[in-house]
Structures are given as C-alpha cells and as structure tokens.
Amino acid sequence: MLLLGLLLIGAGALVIVAAVFTAEVDGGAVEILGTEVGVLTLFLLGVGAGLAVLWGFGILKYGTKRSLRQRRESKRLEELSSKLEVADRERHRDNDDARDHPRG
C-alpha cells in the first residue's frame, strides 16, 4: 500500500512538473514534452495528475495507519505470549513442587 501511494504521488508530480517546465504555447496549440496536445487533453492531464496525487496521499495514509496498527497488535501479542509463558512455567514449577513434597 505504501509503495502504491508513493508511486501515484510520484507519477502525478512528474506529470505536473513536466507540464510546467516543458509546456510551450504556439498560438492556440500547447506542446508538452514535444507532443502537441489540445486544450481538453491538457485539462485531463491536469485532472489526472491531481487525482493521482490525492489518491496517492490517501493510500499512503491508509497504509501507514494499517502498518502502525499491525505493529501495535504484534507487540501486544508478544507481550501476552511472554506473560503466558511465565505463568505456564510457574504452574509447572508449582506442580513439580507438589509432587516432590506430598502433604500427608
């Protein structure tokens, strides 16, 4: 998820930077990266780049929250597992002590 978000942000930013720095206006036509594009195409490129950046940030945010939640859950499970191991060892030790020293 994080990688997909970063790729979308990078692609959108690349299109925006390419349009800003390589755009040349010849009368009514616009040339971007050596390719002549119409007004509608230029508009759609801008909308697509903006959406890619926004979706990228959304996916990045979601992926970050998810990985943090998984990390917290894993840490909690490790703590519970270690507590269970300690309790299990003490229970076995108590059972062994009861067998070694029978009450009578």
N, C-alpha and C. Protein backbone atom coordinates (compact mmCIF):
# COMPACT_ATOMS: atom_id res chain seq x y z
N MET A 1 0.82 -1.19 0.00
CA MET A 1 0.00 0.00 0.00
C MET A 1 0.86 1.26 0.00
N LEU A 2 1.87 1.23 0.84
CA LEU A 2 2.74 2.40 0.91
C LEU A 2 3.43 2.65 -0.42
N LEU A 3 3.89 1.58 -1.03
CA LEU A 3 4.59 1.71 -2.31
C LEU A 3 3.66 2.22 -3.40
N LEU A 4 2.43 1.71 -3.43
CA LEU A 4 1.46 2.17 -4.42
C LEU A 4 1.16 3.65 -4.24
N GLY A 5 1.00 4.09 -3.00
CA GLY A 5 0.76 5.50 -2.72
C GLY A 5 1.91 6.37 -3.19
N LEU A 6 3.13 5.93 -2.90
CA LEU A 6 4.30 6.70 -3.33
C LEU A 6 4.42 6.74 -4.85
N LEU A 7 4.10 5.63 -5.52
CA LEU A 7 4.15 5.61 -6.98
C LEU A 7 3.12 6.56 -7.59
N LEU A 8 1.92 6.59 -7.04
CA LEU A 8 0.89 7.50 -7.55
C LEU A 8 1.29 8.96 -7.35
N ILE A 9 1.83 9.27 -6.19
CA ILE A 9 2.28 10.64 -5.92
C ILE A 9 3.40 11.02 -6.88
N GLY A 10 4.35 10.11 -7.07
CA GLY A 10 5.46 10.38 -7.97
C GLY A 10 5.01 10.57 -9.40
N ALA A 11 4.09 9.73 -9.87
CA ALA A 11 3.60 9.85 -11.25
C ALA A 11 2.85 11.16 -11.45
N GLY A 12 1.99 11.49 -10.51
CA GLY A 12 1.25 12.75 -10.61
C GLY A 12 2.17 13.95 -10.58
N ALA A 13 3.14 13.92 -9.69
CA ALA A 13 4.09 15.03 -9.59
C ALA A 13 4.94 15.14 -10.84
N LEU A 14 5.30 14.01 -11.42
CA LEU A 14 6.10 14.01 -12.65
C LEU A 14 5.34 14.66 -13.80
N VAL A 15 4.07 14.33 -13.93
CA VAL A 15 3.25 14.93 -14.99
C VAL A 15 3.11 16.43 -14.77
N ILE A 16 2.90 16.83 -13.54
CA ILE A 16 2.75 18.26 -13.25
C ILE A 16 4.05 19.00 -13.54
N VAL A 17 5.16 18.47 -13.09
CA VAL A 17 6.46 19.13 -13.32
C VAL A 17 6.77 19.18 -14.82
N ALA A 18 6.50 18.09 -15.53
CA ALA A 18 6.74 18.07 -16.98
C ALA A 18 5.89 19.11 -17.69
N ALA A 19 4.65 19.25 -17.27
CA ALA A 19 3.76 20.23 -17.90
C ALA A 19 4.22 21.65 -17.61
N VAL A 20 4.66 21.89 -16.40
CA VAL A 20 5.06 23.26 -16.03
C VAL A 20 6.35 23.66 -16.73
N PHE A 21 7.32 22.77 -16.79
CA PHE A 21 8.63 23.16 -17.29
C PHE A 21 8.85 22.93 -18.79
N THR A 22 8.02 22.10 -19.42
CA THR A 22 8.24 21.85 -20.85
C THR A 22 7.12 22.37 -21.74
N ALA A 23 6.12 23.00 -21.17
CA ALA A 23 4.99 23.49 -21.97
C ALA A 23 5.39 24.70 -22.79
N GLU A 24 5.03 24.63 -24.08
CA GLU A 24 5.25 25.76 -24.98
C GLU A 24 3.94 26.06 -25.68
N VAL A 25 3.59 27.32 -25.74
CA VAL A 25 2.34 27.73 -26.37
C VAL A 25 2.65 28.32 -27.74
N ASP A 26 2.07 27.73 -28.79
CA ASP A 26 2.19 28.22 -30.16
C ASP A 26 0.80 28.60 -30.65
N GLY A 27 0.44 29.83 -30.51
CA GLY A 27 -0.89 30.27 -30.94
C GLY A 27 -1.96 29.62 -30.08
N GLY A 28 -2.72 28.69 -30.66
CA GLY A 28 -3.79 28.02 -29.92
C GLY A 28 -3.40 26.63 -29.48
N ALA A 29 -2.23 26.16 -29.89
CA ALA A 29 -1.81 24.80 -29.55
C ALA A 29 -0.79 24.84 -28.41
N VAL A 30 -0.83 23.79 -27.60
CA VAL A 30 0.12 23.66 -26.49
C VAL A 30 0.98 22.42 -26.75
N GLU A 31 2.28 22.57 -26.54
CA GLU A 31 3.21 21.46 -26.75
C GLU A 31 3.83 21.08 -25.41
N ILE A 32 3.67 19.80 -25.04
CA ILE A 32 4.23 19.29 -23.78
C ILE A 32 5.11 18.10 -24.13
N LEU A 33 6.34 18.14 -23.67
CA LEU A 33 7.32 17.08 -23.94
C LEU A 33 7.43 16.78 -25.43
N GLY A 34 7.34 17.81 -26.24
CA GLY A 34 7.49 17.66 -27.68
C GLY A 34 6.26 17.14 -28.38
N THR A 35 5.16 16.96 -27.65
CA THR A 35 3.92 16.45 -28.24
C THR A 35 2.87 17.54 -28.17
N GLU A 36 2.22 17.79 -29.32
CA GLU A 36 1.18 18.81 -29.35
C GLU A 36 -0.10 18.23 -28.78
N VAL A 37 -0.67 18.92 -27.81
CA VAL A 37 -1.91 18.47 -27.18
C VAL A 37 -2.94 19.57 -27.25
N GLY A 38 -4.19 19.18 -27.25
CA GLY A 38 -5.28 20.13 -27.27
C GLY A 38 -5.60 20.62 -25.87
N VAL A 39 -6.52 21.55 -25.81
CA VAL A 39 -6.90 22.13 -24.52
C VAL A 39 -7.56 21.09 -23.63
N LEU A 40 -8.44 20.28 -24.20
CA LEU A 40 -9.12 19.25 -23.40
C LEU A 40 -8.11 18.23 -22.88
N THR A 41 -7.16 17.83 -23.70
CA THR A 41 -6.14 16.87 -23.27
C THR A 41 -5.30 17.45 -22.14
N LEU A 42 -4.94 18.72 -22.28
CA LEU A 42 -4.17 19.38 -21.22
C LEU A 42 -4.96 19.41 -19.92
N PHE A 43 -6.24 19.73 -20.01
CA PHE A 43 -7.10 19.75 -18.82
C PHE A 43 -7.18 18.36 -18.19
N LEU A 44 -7.39 17.33 -19.02
CA LEU A 44 -7.50 15.98 -18.49
C LEU A 44 -6.18 15.50 -17.89
N LEU A 45 -5.06 15.91 -18.47
CA LEU A 45 -3.76 15.59 -17.86
C LEU A 45 -3.64 16.20 -16.47
N GLY A 46 -4.07 17.43 -16.34
CA GLY A 46 -4.02 18.11 -15.04
C GLY A 46 -4.92 17.45 -14.02
N VAL A 47 -6.15 17.13 -14.45
CA VAL A 47 -7.08 16.46 -13.54
C VAL A 47 -6.54 15.09 -13.14
N GLY A 48 -6.03 14.34 -14.10
CA GLY A 48 -5.47 13.02 -13.80
C GLY A 48 -4.29 13.09 -12.85
N ALA A 49 -3.41 14.07 -13.09
CA ALA A 49 -2.24 14.23 -12.21
C ALA A 49 -2.68 14.62 -10.80
N GLY A 50 -3.65 15.52 -10.71
CA GLY A 50 -4.14 15.93 -9.39
C GLY A 50 -4.79 14.77 -8.65
N LEU A 51 -5.61 13.99 -9.36
CA LEU A 51 -6.25 12.83 -8.74
C LEU A 51 -5.21 11.79 -8.31
N ALA A 52 -4.20 11.59 -9.14
CA ALA A 52 -3.15 10.62 -8.78
C ALA A 52 -2.45 11.04 -7.49
N VAL A 53 -2.16 12.32 -7.36
CA VAL A 53 -1.51 12.82 -6.14
C VAL A 53 -2.43 12.65 -4.93
N LEU A 54 -3.70 13.03 -5.09
CA LEU A 54 -4.65 12.90 -3.97
C LEU A 54 -4.86 11.45 -3.58
N TRP A 55 -5.06 10.58 -4.56
CA TRP A 55 -5.23 9.15 -4.26
C TRP A 55 -3.96 8.60 -3.62
N GLY A 56 -2.82 9.04 -4.11
CA GLY A 56 -1.55 8.58 -3.54
C GLY A 56 -1.44 8.94 -2.07
N PHE A 57 -1.80 10.19 -1.73
CA PHE A 57 -1.76 10.59 -0.32
C PHE A 57 -2.76 9.78 0.50
N GLY A 58 -3.96 9.55 -0.05
CA GLY A 58 -4.96 8.75 0.67
C GLY A 58 -4.50 7.33 0.92
N ILE A 59 -3.95 6.70 -0.10
CA ILE A 59 -3.46 5.33 0.04
C ILE A 59 -2.28 5.28 0.99
N LEU A 60 -1.40 6.27 0.91
CA LEU A 60 -0.24 6.34 1.80
C LEU A 60 -0.70 6.46 3.26
N LYS A 61 -1.69 7.30 3.48
CA LYS A 61 -2.21 7.50 4.84
C LYS A 61 -2.85 6.21 5.36
N TYR A 62 -3.66 5.56 4.51
CA TYR A 62 -4.31 4.32 4.91
C TYR A 62 -3.27 3.23 5.20
N GLY A 63 -2.28 3.11 4.32
CA GLY A 63 -1.24 2.10 4.51
C GLY A 63 -0.43 2.32 5.77
N THR A 64 -0.15 3.58 6.07
CA THR A 64 0.61 3.90 7.27
C THR A 64 -0.18 3.55 8.52
N LYS A 65 -1.46 3.93 8.55
CA LYS A 65 -2.30 3.59 9.70
C LYS A 65 -2.39 2.08 9.89
N ARG A 66 -2.54 1.36 8.79
CA ARG A 66 -2.67 -0.08 8.85
C ARG A 66 -1.39 -0.73 9.38
N SER A 67 -0.24 -0.30 8.89
CA SER A 67 1.01 -0.90 9.36
C SER A 67 1.27 -0.56 10.82
N LEU A 68 0.93 0.66 11.25
CA LEU A 68 1.09 1.01 12.66
C LEU A 68 0.18 0.17 13.55
N ARG A 69 -1.05 -0.05 13.09
CA ARG A 69 -1.99 -0.87 13.86
C ARG A 69 -1.48 -2.31 13.96
N GLN A 70 -0.96 -2.85 12.85
CA GLN A 70 -0.43 -4.21 12.87
C GLN A 70 0.79 -4.31 13.77
N ARG A 71 1.62 -3.28 13.76
CA ARG A 71 2.81 -3.29 14.60
C ARG A 71 2.41 -3.27 16.08
N ARG A 72 1.42 -2.42 16.44
CA ARG A 72 0.95 -2.37 17.82
C ARG A 72 0.34 -3.70 18.24
N GLU A 73 -0.45 -4.30 17.35
CA GLU A 73 -1.08 -5.57 17.66
C GLU A 73 -0.04 -6.67 17.84
N SER A 74 0.97 -6.68 17.00
CA SER A 74 2.04 -7.67 17.11
C SER A 74 2.79 -7.51 18.43
N LYS A 75 3.06 -6.27 18.80
CA LYS A 75 3.76 -6.00 20.06
C LYS A 75 2.91 -6.48 21.24
N ARG A 76 1.63 -6.22 21.18
CA ARG A 76 0.72 -6.64 22.25
C ARG A 76 0.67 -8.17 22.34
N LEU A 77 0.62 -8.83 21.18
CA LEU A 77 0.60 -10.30 21.19
C LEU A 77 1.90 -10.87 21.75
N GLU A 78 3.02 -10.25 21.46
CA GLU A 78 4.29 -10.71 22.02
C GLU A 78 4.30 -10.56 23.53
N GLU A 79 3.77 -9.44 24.03
CA GLU A 79 3.70 -9.23 25.48
C GLU A 79 2.82 -10.29 26.14
N LEU A 80 1.65 -10.55 25.53
CA LEU A 80 0.75 -11.55 26.09
C LEU A 80 1.37 -12.94 26.04
N SER A 81 2.08 -13.24 24.97
CA SER A 81 2.73 -14.53 24.84
C SER A 81 3.80 -14.72 25.91
N SER A 82 4.58 -13.68 26.16
CA SER A 82 5.62 -13.80 27.19
C SER A 82 4.98 -13.95 28.57
N LYS A 83 3.89 -13.25 28.84
CA LYS A 83 3.20 -13.41 30.12
C LYS A 83 2.65 -14.82 30.27
N LEU A 84 2.12 -15.37 29.18
CA LEU A 84 1.59 -16.72 29.22
C LEU A 84 2.70 -17.74 29.47
N GLU A 85 3.85 -17.54 28.86
CA GLU A 85 4.98 -18.44 29.09
C GLU A 85 5.43 -18.40 30.54
N VAL A 86 5.49 -17.21 31.13
CA VAL A 86 5.89 -17.08 32.54
C VAL A 86 4.87 -17.78 33.44
N ALA A 87 3.59 -17.57 33.19
CA ALA A 87 2.56 -18.20 34.00
C ALA A 87 2.59 -19.72 33.84
N ASP A 88 2.85 -20.18 32.62
CA ASP A 88 2.91 -21.62 32.37
C ASP A 88 4.11 -22.24 33.10
N ARG A 89 5.24 -21.57 33.07
CA ARG A 89 6.42 -22.07 33.79
C ARG A 89 6.15 -22.14 35.29
N GLU A 90 5.52 -21.13 35.84
CA GLU A 90 5.23 -21.12 37.28
C GLU A 90 4.24 -22.22 37.64
N ARG A 91 3.27 -22.46 36.78
CA ARG A 91 2.29 -23.51 37.04
C ARG A 91 2.98 -24.87 37.04
N HIS A 92 3.89 -25.09 36.07
CA HIS A 92 4.62 -26.35 36.03
C HIS A 92 5.54 -26.49 37.25
N ARG A 93 6.14 -25.39 37.67
CA ARG A 93 7.01 -25.42 38.85
C ARG A 93 6.19 -25.77 40.09
N ASP A 94 5.00 -25.19 40.22
CA ASP A 94 4.14 -25.49 41.37
C ASP A 94 3.70 -26.96 41.35
N ASN A 95 3.39 -27.48 40.17
CA ASN A 95 3.01 -28.90 40.06
C ASN A 95 4.17 -29.81 40.43
N ASP A 96 5.38 -29.46 39.99
CA ASP A 96 6.56 -30.26 40.33
C ASP A 96 6.83 -30.21 41.83
N ASP A 97 6.68 -29.04 42.44
CA ASP A 97 6.88 -28.91 43.89
C ASP A 97 5.85 -29.75 44.65
N ALA A 98 4.63 -29.78 44.18
CA ALA A 98 3.58 -30.56 44.85
C ALA A 98 3.87 -32.05 44.77
N ARG A 99 4.45 -32.50 43.67
CA ARG A 99 4.80 -33.91 43.52
C ARG A 99 5.99 -34.28 44.38
N ASP A 100 6.97 -33.37 44.50
CA ASP A 100 8.17 -33.63 45.28
C ASP A 100 7.90 -33.64 46.78
N HIS A 101 7.00 -32.83 47.24
CA HIS A 101 6.71 -32.71 48.67
C HIS A 101 5.22 -33.01 48.90
N PRO A 102 4.89 -34.30 48.95
CA PRO A 102 3.47 -34.63 49.16
C PRO A 102 3.04 -34.26 50.58
N ARG A 103 1.84 -33.79 50.70
CA ARG A 103 1.30 -33.42 52.01
C ARG A 103 0.75 -34.70 52.66
N GLY A 104 0.95 -34.80 53.87
CA GLY A 104 0.43 -36.02 54.41
C GLY A 104 0.42 -36.10 55.83
